[in-house]
Amino acid sequence: MKPAALHALAEAAEALARLAREAASERPEAGDDALIPVAEAARLAATSVRVVRDAICRGELAAFGRMRDRAVRHADLAAWIASRALKPVEGIDDADIARRVHRLAQLKRGRTPSPTE
């Protein structure tokens, strides 16, 4: 490409980035009482629309509006997402993990570990 074309392309990219920053700063932040359509709520929760609708039917998530135009409150959605977070499970301890890693290393070397190891 010619240098003039590259400069024009760079200027266009900078102008586009400036417009995007301005558009992002003009968009108001979602308040706690802001209503979000079910499809957008599913996108924000990183799940499907069906999962959000099932949560509404089970009463886990409050919804407003008619069936087709349902919306959920931003605060309710955030609480529902937090309630779905996986909690750490108490399980095997470090000594057990170390024993298993040691056993796998021995198996890799071709040595069969004794039952006491």
C-alpha atoms as a PDB file:
ATOM      1  CA  MET A   1       0.000   0.000   0.000  1.00  0.00           C
ATOM      2  CA  LYS A   2       1.049   3.550  -0.573  1.00  0.00           C
ATOM      3  CA  PRO A   3       2.067   5.677   2.429  1.00  0.00           C
ATOM      4  CA  ALA A   4      -0.742   8.164   1.760  1.00  0.00           C
ATOM      5  CA  ALA A   5      -3.322   5.365   1.827  1.00  0.00           C
ATOM      6  CA  LEU A   6      -1.887   4.019   5.084  1.00  0.00           C
ATOM      7  CA  HIS A   7      -2.053   7.480   6.683  1.00  0.00           C
ATOM      8  CA  ALA A   8      -5.661   7.907   5.559  1.00  0.00           C
ATOM      9  CA  LEU A   9      -6.520   4.482   6.955  1.00  0.00           C
ATOM     10  CA  ALA A  10      -4.863   5.318  10.285  1.00  0.00           C
ATOM     11  CA  GLU A  11      -6.758   8.630  10.517  1.00  0.00           C
ATOM     12  CA  ALA A  12     -10.047   6.847   9.784  1.00  0.00           C
ATOM     13  CA  ALA A  13      -9.320   4.283  12.499  1.00  0.00           C
ATOM     14  CA  GLU A  14      -8.537   7.049  15.007  1.00  0.00           C
ATOM     15  CA  ALA A  15     -11.756   8.883  14.111  1.00  0.00           C
ATOM     16  CA  LEU A  16     -13.764   5.675  14.511  1.00  0.00           C
ATOM     17  CA  ALA A  17     -12.159   4.977  17.901  1.00  0.00           C
ATOM     18  CA  ARG A  18     -12.952   8.546  19.027  1.00  0.00           C
ATOM     19  CA  LEU A  19     -16.598   8.152  17.973  1.00  0.00           C
ATOM     20  CA  ALA A  20     -16.842   4.828  19.820  1.00  0.00           C
ATOM     21  CA  ARG A  21     -15.423   6.374  23.020  1.00  0.00           C
ATOM     22  CA  GLU A  22     -17.895   9.258  22.790  1.00  0.00           C
ATOM     23  CA  ALA A  23     -20.821   6.895  22.234  1.00  0.00           C
ATOM     24  CA  ALA A  24     -19.770   4.751  25.183  1.00  0.00           C
ATOM     25  CA  SER A  25     -19.489   7.746  27.501  1.00  0.00           C
ATOM     26  CA  GLU A  26     -22.914   9.075  26.476  1.00  0.00           C
ATOM     27  CA  ARG A  27     -24.671   5.790  27.309  1.00  0.00           C
ATOM     28  CA  PRO A  28     -26.085   6.008  30.828  1.00  0.00           C
ATOM     29  CA  GLU A  29     -25.149   3.230  33.209  1.00  0.00           C
ATOM     30  CA  ALA A  30     -27.884   0.767  34.040  1.00  0.00           C
ATOM     31  CA  GLY A  31     -29.449   1.673  37.357  1.00  0.00           C
ATOM     32  CA  ASP A  32     -30.765  -0.883  39.815  1.00  0.00           C
ATOM     33  CA  ASP A  33     -34.346  -0.127  38.782  1.00  0.00           C
ATOM     34  CA  ALA A  34     -33.648  -0.241  35.046  1.00  0.00           C
ATOM     35  CA  LEU A  35     -35.705  -2.883  33.259  1.00  0.00           C
ATOM     36  CA  ILE A  36     -33.837  -5.215  30.943  1.00  0.00           C
ATOM     37  CA  PRO A  37     -35.560  -7.360  28.298  1.00  0.00           C
ATOM     38  CA  VAL A  38     -35.313 -11.113  28.871  1.00  0.00           C
ATOM     39  CA  ALA A  39     -33.046 -11.629  25.844  1.00  0.00           C
ATOM     40  CA  GLU A  40     -30.612  -8.980  27.084  1.00  0.00           C
ATOM     41  CA  ALA A  41     -30.784 -10.431  30.610  1.00  0.00           C
ATOM     42  CA  ALA A  42     -29.831 -13.834  29.220  1.00  0.00           C
ATOM     43  CA  ARG A  43     -26.883 -12.289  27.393  1.00  0.00           C
ATOM     44  CA  LEU A  44     -25.717 -10.497  30.553  1.00  0.00           C
ATOM     45  CA  ALA A  45     -26.080 -13.709  32.570  1.00  0.00           C
ATOM     46  CA  ALA A  46     -24.192 -15.671  29.901  1.00  0.00           C
ATOM     47  CA  THR A  47     -27.013 -18.167  29.595  1.00  0.00           C
ATOM     48  CA  SER A  48     -29.950 -18.895  27.332  1.00  0.00           C
ATOM     49  CA  VAL A  49     -33.302 -17.124  27.217  1.00  0.00           C
ATOM     50  CA  ARG A  50     -34.945 -20.404  28.205  1.00  0.00           C
ATOM     51  CA  VAL A  51     -32.952 -20.574  31.468  1.00  0.00           C
ATOM     52  CA  VAL A  52     -33.989 -17.011  32.331  1.00  0.00           C
ATOM     53  CA  ARG A  53     -37.637 -17.759  31.511  1.00  0.00           C
ATOM     54  CA  ASP A  54     -37.505 -20.931  33.623  1.00  0.00           C
ATOM     55  CA  ALA A  55     -36.115 -18.902  36.545  1.00  0.00           C
ATOM     56  CA  ILE A  56     -39.024 -16.476  36.117  1.00  0.00           C
ATOM     57  CA  CYS A  57     -41.534 -19.344  36.105  1.00  0.00           C
ATOM     58  CA  ARG A  58     -39.987 -20.868  39.256  1.00  0.00           C
ATOM     59  CA  GLY A  59     -40.132 -17.490  40.990  1.00  0.00           C
ATOM     60  CA  GLU A  60     -36.338 -17.179  41.293  1.00  0.00           C
ATOM     61  CA  LEU A  61     -36.360 -14.017  39.190  1.00  0.00           C
ATOM     62  CA  ALA A  62     -39.056 -11.353  39.265  1.00  0.00           C
ATOM     63  CA  ALA A  63     -40.324 -10.194  35.871  1.00  0.00           C
ATOM     64  CA  PHE A  64     -42.536  -7.385  34.707  1.00  0.00           C
ATOM     65  CA  GLY A  65     -44.730  -7.030  31.633  1.00  0.00           C
ATOM     66  CA  ARG A  66     -46.623  -9.405  29.394  1.00  0.00           C
ATOM     67  CA  MET A  67     -45.250 -12.779  28.327  1.00  0.00           C
ATOM     68  CA  ARG A  68     -43.833 -11.517  25.049  1.00  0.00           C
ATOM     69  CA  ASP A  69     -42.492  -8.251  26.464  1.00  0.00           C
ATOM     70  CA  ARG A  70     -41.128  -9.513  29.764  1.00  0.00           C
ATOM     71  CA  ALA A  71     -38.339  -7.592  31.444  1.00  0.00           C
ATOM     72  CA  VAL A  72     -36.387  -8.008  34.660  1.00  0.00           C
ATOM     73  CA  ARG A  73     -34.958  -5.420  36.990  1.00  0.00           C
ATOM     74  CA  HIS A  74     -31.186  -4.964  36.802  1.00  0.00           C
ATOM     75  CA  ALA A  75     -30.748  -5.434  40.570  1.00  0.00           C
ATOM     76  CA  ASP A  76     -32.844  -8.621  40.543  1.00  0.00           C
ATOM     77  CA  LEU A  77     -30.808  -9.986  37.655  1.00  0.00           C
ATOM     78  CA  ALA A  78     -27.532  -9.251  39.455  1.00  0.00           C
ATOM     79  CA  ALA A  79     -28.806 -11.018  42.594  1.00  0.00           C
ATOM     80  CA  TRP A  80     -29.955 -14.020  40.548  1.00  0.00           C
ATOM     81  CA  ILE A  81     -26.596 -14.263  38.780  1.00  0.00           C
ATOM     82  CA  ALA A  82     -24.801 -14.114  42.147  1.00  0.00           C
ATOM     83  CA  SER A  83     -27.052 -16.838  43.554  1.00  0.00           C
ATOM     84  CA  ARG A  84     -26.129 -19.114  40.655  1.00  0.00           C
ATOM     85  CA  ALA A  85     -22.376 -18.775  41.243  1.00  0.00           C
ATOM     86  CA  LEU A  86     -20.696 -22.075  42.026  1.00  0.00           C
ATOM     87  CA  LYS A  87     -19.398 -22.302  45.533  1.00  0.00           C
ATOM     88  CA  PRO A  88     -16.012 -23.964  46.159  1.00  0.00           C
ATOM     89  CA  VAL A  89     -16.416 -27.548  47.244  1.00  0.00           C
ATOM     90  CA  GLU A  90     -14.400 -28.836  50.124  1.00  0.00           C
ATOM     91  CA  GLY A  91     -12.680 -31.932  48.925  1.00  0.00           C
ATOM     92  CA  ILE A  92      -9.372 -33.640  48.791  1.00  0.00           C
ATOM     93  CA  ASP A  93      -6.541 -32.137  50.765  1.00  0.00           C
ATOM     94  CA  ASP A  94      -3.074 -31.209  49.561  1.00  0.00           C
ATOM     95  CA  ALA A  95      -1.469 -34.376  50.930  1.00  0.00           C
ATOM     96  CA  ASP A  96      -3.811 -36.513  48.851  1.00  0.00           C
ATOM     97  CA  ILE A  97      -3.061 -34.485  45.741  1.00  0.00           C
ATOM     98  CA  ALA A  98       0.685 -34.772  46.343  1.00  0.00           C
ATOM     99  CA  ARG A  99       0.359 -38.537  46.777  1.00  0.00           C
ATOM    100  CA  ARG A 100      -1.571 -38.853  43.530  1.00  0.00           C
ATOM    101  CA  VAL A 101       0.891 -36.691  41.598  1.00  0.00           C
ATOM    102  CA  HIS A 102       3.791 -38.752  42.956  1.00  0.00           C
ATOM    103  CA  ARG A 103       2.023 -41.960  41.917  1.00  0.00           C
ATOM    104  CA  LEU A 104       1.366 -40.652  38.401  1.00  0.00           C
ATOM    105  CA  ALA A 105       5.018 -39.618  38.057  1.00  0.00           C
ATOM    106  CA  GLN A 106       6.102 -43.137  39.000  1.00  0.00           C
ATOM    107  CA  LEU A 107       3.696 -44.629  36.481  1.00  0.00           C
ATOM    108  CA  LYS A 108       5.132 -42.364  33.807  1.00  0.00           C
ATOM    109  CA  ARG A 109       8.631 -43.588  34.587  1.00  0.00           C
ATOM    110  CA  GLY A 110       7.383 -47.158  34.182  1.00  0.00           C
ATOM    111  CA  ARG A 111       7.687 -48.154  37.813  1.00  0.00           C
ATOM    112  CA  THR A 112       4.648 -49.669  39.468  1.00  0.00           C
ATOM    113  CA  PRO A 113       4.052 -47.977  42.813  1.00  0.00           C
ATOM    114  CA  SER A 114       3.605 -50.105  45.902  1.00  0.00           C
ATOM    115  CA  PRO A 115       0.218 -49.920  47.673  1.00  0.00           C
ATOM    116  CA  THR A 116       1.736 -47.956  50.579  1.00  0.00           C
ATOM    117  CA  GLU A 117       2.895 -45.093  48.344  1.00  0.00           C
END
